Each structure stands twice: as structure tokens, then as C-alpha cells.
Protein backbone atom coordinates (compact mmCIF):
# COMPACT_ATOMS: atom_id res chain seq x y z
CA UNK A 1 3.44 -28.43 -8.01
CA UNK A 2 1.79 -25.01 -8.24
CA UNK A 3 2.26 -24.60 -4.51
CA UNK A 4 6.00 -25.22 -4.78
CA UNK A 5 6.24 -22.73 -7.63
CA UNK A 6 4.38 -20.05 -5.70
CA UNK A 7 6.52 -20.65 -2.64
CA UNK A 8 9.65 -20.18 -4.75
CA UNK A 9 8.21 -17.06 -6.37
CA UNK A 10 7.30 -15.61 -2.97
CA UNK A 11 11.02 -15.78 -2.13
CA UNK A 12 12.49 -14.76 -5.49
CA UNK A 13 10.43 -11.60 -5.89
CA UNK A 14 11.59 -10.18 -2.52
CA UNK A 15 15.16 -11.04 -3.53
CA UNK A 16 14.73 -9.03 -6.72
CA UNK A 17 13.13 -6.17 -4.74
CA UNK A 18 15.90 -5.96 -2.15
CA UNK A 19 18.64 -6.23 -4.78
CA UNK A 20 17.08 -3.50 -6.92
CA UNK A 21 16.66 -1.18 -3.93
CA UNK A 22 20.30 -1.64 -2.93
CA UNK A 23 21.39 -0.85 -6.50
CA UNK A 24 19.31 2.34 -6.57
CA UNK A 25 20.54 3.55 -3.17
CA UNK A 26 24.25 2.79 -3.52
CA UNK A 27 24.50 4.14 -7.06
CA UNK A 28 22.69 7.30 -5.96
CA UNK A 29 25.15 7.82 -3.09
CA UNK A 30 28.13 7.57 -5.44
CA UNK A 31 26.49 9.79 -8.06
CA UNK A 32 25.48 12.56 -5.63
CA UNK A 33 28.94 12.56 -4.06
CA UNK A 34 30.86 12.94 -7.33
CA UNK A 35 28.40 14.86 -9.50
CA UNK A 36 30.14 18.25 -9.07
CA UNK A 37 33.68 17.03 -8.49
CA UNK A 38 33.96 15.19 -11.81
CA UNK A 39 31.88 17.63 -13.84
CA UNK A 40 34.75 19.37 -15.58
CA UNK A 41 33.46 19.23 -19.17
CA UNK A 42 32.88 22.66 -20.76
CA UNK A 43 29.94 21.74 -22.99
CA UNK A 44 28.10 18.86 -21.27
CA UNK A 45 27.28 17.46 -17.86
CA UNK A 46 29.89 14.78 -17.16
CA UNK A 47 29.46 14.40 -13.42
CA UNK A 48 28.91 10.64 -13.40
CA UNK A 49 31.36 8.36 -11.66
CA UNK A 50 30.75 5.74 -14.36
CA UNK A 51 32.64 5.91 -17.67
CA UNK A 52 35.13 8.42 -16.25
CA UNK A 53 38.06 9.48 -18.38
CA UNK A 54 41.57 10.66 -17.76
CA UNK A 55 42.48 13.92 -19.48
CA UNK A 56 45.75 15.80 -19.79
CA UNK A 57 45.40 17.73 -16.52
CA UNK A 58 42.32 16.31 -14.73
CA UNK A 59 40.00 13.37 -14.28
CA UNK A 60 36.49 13.83 -15.68
CA UNK A 61 33.36 11.80 -15.15
CA UNK A 62 31.15 10.20 -17.75
CA UNK A 63 27.90 11.51 -19.17
CA UNK A 64 25.38 12.11 -16.41
CA UNK A 65 22.86 9.90 -18.24
CA UNK A 66 24.78 6.82 -17.09
CA UNK A 67 24.22 7.73 -13.43
CA UNK A 68 20.58 8.59 -14.09
CA UNK A 69 20.11 5.12 -15.54
CA UNK A 70 22.08 3.45 -12.73
CA UNK A 71 19.95 5.17 -10.09
CA UNK A 72 16.48 5.17 -11.64
CA UNK A 73 16.76 2.42 -14.23
CA UNK A 74 15.57 -0.36 -11.94
CA UNK A 75 12.36 1.38 -10.87
CA UNK A 76 10.38 -0.40 -13.60
CA UNK A 77 11.38 -3.98 -12.65
CA UNK A 78 11.12 -2.94 -9.01
CA UNK A 79 7.44 -2.03 -9.48
CA UNK A 80 6.63 -5.34 -11.19
CA UNK A 81 8.56 -7.31 -8.56
CA UNK A 82 6.80 -5.43 -5.76
CA UNK A 83 3.30 -6.03 -7.13
CA UNK A 84 3.84 -9.71 -7.95
CA UNK A 85 5.83 -10.28 -4.75
CA UNK A 86 2.98 -8.93 -2.63
CA UNK A 87 0.50 -11.05 -4.58
CA UNK A 88 2.37 -14.34 -4.10
CA UNK A 89 3.42 -13.47 -0.55
CA UNK A 90 -0.18 -12.77 0.40
CA UNK A 91 -1.32 -16.06 -1.09
CA UNK A 92 1.34 -17.91 0.89
CA UNK A 93 0.54 -16.11 4.15
CA UNK A 94 -3.24 -16.64 4.10
CA UNK A 95 -2.79 -20.35 3.47
CA UNK A 96 -4.12 -22.55 0.74
CA UNK A 97 -7.39 -24.37 0.57
CA UNK A 98 -7.63 -28.09 1.05
CA UNK A 99 -8.11 -30.26 -2.01
CA UNK A 100 -11.75 -30.80 -2.99
CA UNK A 101 -13.01 -34.18 -1.86
CA UNK A 102 -16.09 -36.07 -3.03
CA UNK A 103 -17.67 -39.47 -2.60
CA UNK A 104 -19.28 -41.85 -5.07
CA UNK A 105 -21.32 -44.98 -4.30
CA UNK A 106 -20.99 -48.01 -6.57
CA UNK A 107 -23.40 -50.92 -6.39
CA UNK A 108 -21.94 -54.26 -7.41
CA UNK A 109 -23.91 -57.09 -9.04
CA UNK A 110 -23.72 -59.02 -5.80
CA UNK A 111 -25.62 -56.24 -4.08
CA UNK A 112 -22.64 -54.95 -2.08
CA UNK A 113 -22.19 -51.21 -1.85
CA UNK A 114 -18.74 -49.66 -2.31
CA UNK A 115 -18.09 -46.03 -1.33
CA UNK A 116 -15.28 -44.41 -3.33
CA UNK A 117 -13.67 -41.17 -2.14
CA UNK A 118 -12.24 -38.91 -4.82
CA UNK A 119 -9.87 -35.98 -4.34
CA UNK A 120 -9.20 -33.30 -6.90
CA UNK A 121 -5.69 -32.08 -7.57
CA UNK A 122 -7.09 -28.58 -8.02
CA UNK A 123 -7.51 -26.48 -4.89
CA UNK A 124 -10.17 -23.79 -4.46
CA UNK A 125 -7.53 -21.05 -4.47
CA UNK A 126 -5.23 -22.50 -7.11
CA UNK A 127 -3.72 -20.20 -9.72
CA UNK A 128 -5.57 -19.90 -12.99
CA UNK A 129 -3.73 -21.55 -15.89
CA UNK A 130 -4.11 -18.25 -17.73
CA UNK A 131 -1.91 -16.52 -15.13
CA UNK A 132 1.32 -18.05 -16.39
CA UNK A 133 1.29 -16.52 -19.89
CA UNK A 134 1.40 -12.82 -18.88
CA UNK A 135 3.68 -13.66 -15.96
CA UNK A 136 6.11 -15.35 -18.36
CA UNK A 137 6.10 -12.41 -20.77
CA UNK A 138 6.68 -9.88 -17.96
CA UNK A 139 9.47 -11.89 -16.33
CA UNK A 140 11.22 -12.46 -19.67
CA UNK A 141 11.15 -8.74 -20.48
CA UNK A 142 12.37 -7.85 -16.99
CA UNK A 143 15.19 -10.40 -17.21
CA UNK A 144 16.41 -8.91 -20.50
CA UNK A 145 16.08 -5.40 -19.07
CA UNK A 146 18.04 -6.39 -15.95
CA UNK A 147 20.74 -7.93 -18.14
CA UNK A 148 21.10 -4.64 -20.03
CA UNK A 149 21.31 -2.71 -16.77
CA UNK A 150 23.93 -5.05 -15.31
CA UNK A 151 26.02 -4.96 -18.50
CA UNK A 152 25.94 -1.15 -18.76
CA UNK A 153 26.86 -0.67 -15.10
CA UNK A 154 29.65 -3.27 -15.27
CA UNK A 155 31.11 -1.63 -18.37
CA UNK A 156 30.98 1.82 -16.76
CA UNK A 157 32.59 0.48 -13.60
CA UNK A 158 35.46 -1.11 -15.49
CA UNK A 159 36.03 1.93 -17.73
CA UNK A 160 36.32 4.26 -14.72
CA UNK A 161 38.67 1.85 -12.98
CA UNK A 162 40.88 1.56 -16.06
CA UNK A 163 40.91 5.29 -16.75
CA UNK A 164 41.76 6.23 -13.19
CA UNK A 165 44.72 3.86 -13.27
CA UNK A 166 46.10 6.09 -16.01
CA UNK A 167 45.26 9.23 -14.03
CA UNK A 168 46.89 7.77 -10.91
CA UNK A 169 50.15 7.15 -12.77
CA UNK A 170 50.17 10.79 -13.85
CA UNK A 171 49.35 11.95 -10.33
CA UNK A 172 52.22 10.11 -8.67
CA UNK A 173 54.47 10.41 -11.72
CA UNK A 174 54.89 6.67 -11.73
CA UNK A 175 57.73 5.17 -13.73
CA UNK A 176 59.57 1.88 -13.87
CA UNK A 177 58.15 -1.17 -12.07
CA UNK A 178 55.33 0.79 -10.45
CA UNK A 179 53.58 1.07 -13.83
CA UNK A 180 52.71 -2.65 -14.24
CA UNK A 181 51.79 -2.83 -10.55
CA UNK A 182 49.16 -0.10 -10.91
CA UNK A 183 47.95 -1.24 -14.32
CA UNK A 184 47.80 -4.98 -13.69
CA UNK A 185 47.96 -5.83 -9.99
CA UNK A 186 46.17 -3.01 -8.18
CA UNK A 187 42.53 -3.98 -7.61
CA UNK A 188 39.68 -1.67 -8.59
CA UNK A 189 38.81 -1.32 -4.90
CA UNK A 190 42.29 0.08 -4.23
CA UNK A 191 42.06 2.29 -7.31
CA UNK A 192 38.84 3.85 -6.04
CA UNK A 193 40.45 4.35 -2.62
CA UNK A 194 43.12 6.48 -4.28
CA UNK A 195 40.39 8.31 -6.13
CA UNK A 196 38.55 9.12 -2.88
CA UNK A 197 41.60 10.91 -1.47
CA UNK A 198 43.33 12.37 -4.52
CA UNK A 199 40.56 13.71 -6.77
CA UNK A 200 39.42 17.19 -5.78
CA UNK A 201 37.00 19.58 -7.39
CA UNK A 202 38.52 22.24 -9.63
CA UNK A 203 35.77 24.64 -8.56
CA UNK A 204 35.96 26.04 -5.05
CA UNK A 205 32.21 26.74 -4.95
CA UNK A 206 31.49 23.08 -5.65
CA UNK A 207 34.22 21.64 -3.48
CA UNK A 208 33.40 18.22 -2.06
CA UNK A 209 33.07 17.99 1.70
CA UNK A 210 33.76 14.69 3.41
CA UNK A 211 34.52 11.36 1.78
CA UNK A 212 32.66 8.18 1.04
CA UNK A 213 33.92 4.71 0.28
CA UNK A 214 33.32 4.79 -3.46
CA UNK A 215 34.53 1.23 -3.95
CA UNK A 216 31.93 -0.14 -1.52
CA UNK A 217 29.10 1.79 -3.20
CA UNK A 218 30.04 0.68 -6.69
CA UNK A 219 30.76 -2.92 -5.73
CA UNK A 220 27.42 -3.18 -3.91
CA UNK A 221 25.60 -1.95 -7.01
CA UNK A 222 27.63 -4.26 -9.24
CA UNK A 223 27.07 -7.41 -7.18
CA UNK A 224 23.39 -6.87 -6.45
CA UNK A 225 22.67 -5.98 -10.07
CA UNK A 226 23.77 -9.49 -11.06
CA UNK A 227 21.93 -11.03 -8.10
CA UNK A 228 18.74 -9.33 -9.31
CA UNK A 229 19.38 -10.72 -12.79
CA UNK A 230 19.77 -14.22 -11.30
CA UNK A 231 16.45 -13.81 -9.47
CA UNK A 232 14.62 -12.69 -12.62
CA UNK A 233 16.06 -15.58 -14.62
CA UNK A 234 14.80 -18.08 -12.05
CA UNK A 235 11.41 -16.37 -11.99
CA UNK A 236 11.25 -16.57 -15.77
CA UNK A 237 12.25 -20.24 -15.73
CA UNK A 238 9.53 -21.13 -13.21
CA UNK A 239 6.91 -19.26 -15.23
CA UNK A 240 7.97 -20.95 -18.48
CA UNK A 241 7.82 -24.41 -16.90
CA UNK A 242 4.29 -23.88 -15.60
CA UNK A 243 3.22 -22.21 -18.82
CA UNK A 244 4.08 -25.43 -20.64
CA UNK A 245 2.48 -27.64 -17.99
CA UNK A 246 -0.83 -25.76 -18.10
CA UNK A 247 -1.00 -25.62 -21.87
CA UNK A 248 -3.68 -28.34 -22.03
CA UNK A 249 -5.85 -26.52 -19.50
CA UNK A 250 -5.90 -23.37 -21.66
CA UNK A 251 -7.01 -25.15 -24.81
């Protein structure tokens, strides 16, 4: 059973690693692209594409701390996933030892000799039962941390989408039936497409050159943040199951 668990962990940790890397890269691309364009606040740095807000005459970004967290916030779980992923991947690649076998000779009253072969369920390179306790604690903390990250990014994504709907109505001077279309039917991907082409920097020195697909960047971060959370939850579940199963061996 330990072999099956390690095989699953050797796949789940790389999934968490890849998902975290994608989140860091795509959120960084969106942040670096918009950091000067949306930074229109007089007293604070509001150049983050998350938690943007529509003002009377412009569209401003959210506090830059949100983008710092979106870009660098997954470095901690990424380090743990990398270390443990390499550990389990290495154990799977080098192969596992064969079960220990032994023989015992039993003499019956009739004088016949019976040779009994025994085989241990423990392998020479099996995981120590004491491994599962710290692994469970780490994975549980990382799962909660990943949940916080995913929730914060999702909230920032939805706030910017909602706020730019309002800014878009002002930009095109929308009235009548176009108002419910933009507010209720237009997808966030389409909203961010409008944002890519309509929002310009108010400062000529910091004018944005070129365009990116902001919707793709933000959606990639959003989706893979929840995939990483799913991976950490499965990792935590596997560790908890084996922590309970090896309880007797630790006593």
C-alpha cells in the first residue's frame, strides 16, 4: 500500500509544482504589463491588475501588494513540493527492494521435516512510519495556504472584471439595452479584451507599448491555482490515511 501511495505522491507533487509555476509566471506577466498603466493613485502604488476600480475619469488598479502576493505567494508551497517531489520521484525511479524472505524448518512428531518460507510485508527501502506525521502537517498547512491564495486571486479577478464593466459603460456611453448586456451577459474574457485595447496610460513617460492577452494570463492563473489546491488536498488525504494506518508502528 505504501508503494501505491508513493507512486501517487510522485505524480501529485509535480502537478502542484507545474501549477504553481504557471501561476507565478502568468500573474507576473499581467502585473508587469499593467503596473504603470493602472498606477494612477496619487498617494499609493495601485498598479495591480487585481482589485481594479472604476473612478470618475479613469480606471485604476488595486494595491500593488495583491500582485506581489499573486506572483511570489506560491514560492513557499513550491519549495516544499519541489523537495518532496524530488524525494518521492527518486525513490520511484531507483526501484524498490524485494520483500525480505526467510525460511524456517519444522520437525513433526513423525520425523518429517517441513520447510516454511516466510515473506515480510516490509521492504528494505520502505518509508519509515514516522515520515507520515511531518508530511501530513506540511501538506495540511500548504493546502490551507493554497486555498487562501486561490480565494484572494479569484476575488481580485472578479472585482476587476466587475469594475471594468462599469468603466466600459462610461467609455462607450452605453445606455438602454446595452447596459444589461455588458453587466450580465458579457464574459470576463471579453471584458478584459476591451480593457487591453481601451485602457491607456495617463502618463506619456510610462506609456504601455504593445499588448498582451490579459484574459488568458488571468484565467491561466485562476485555473491552475485551483488545480494546485486540488493536488495539495489529495496529497494531504494520502498522508492522513497512511498516518492513521501506521499509528500502531509508532507506538
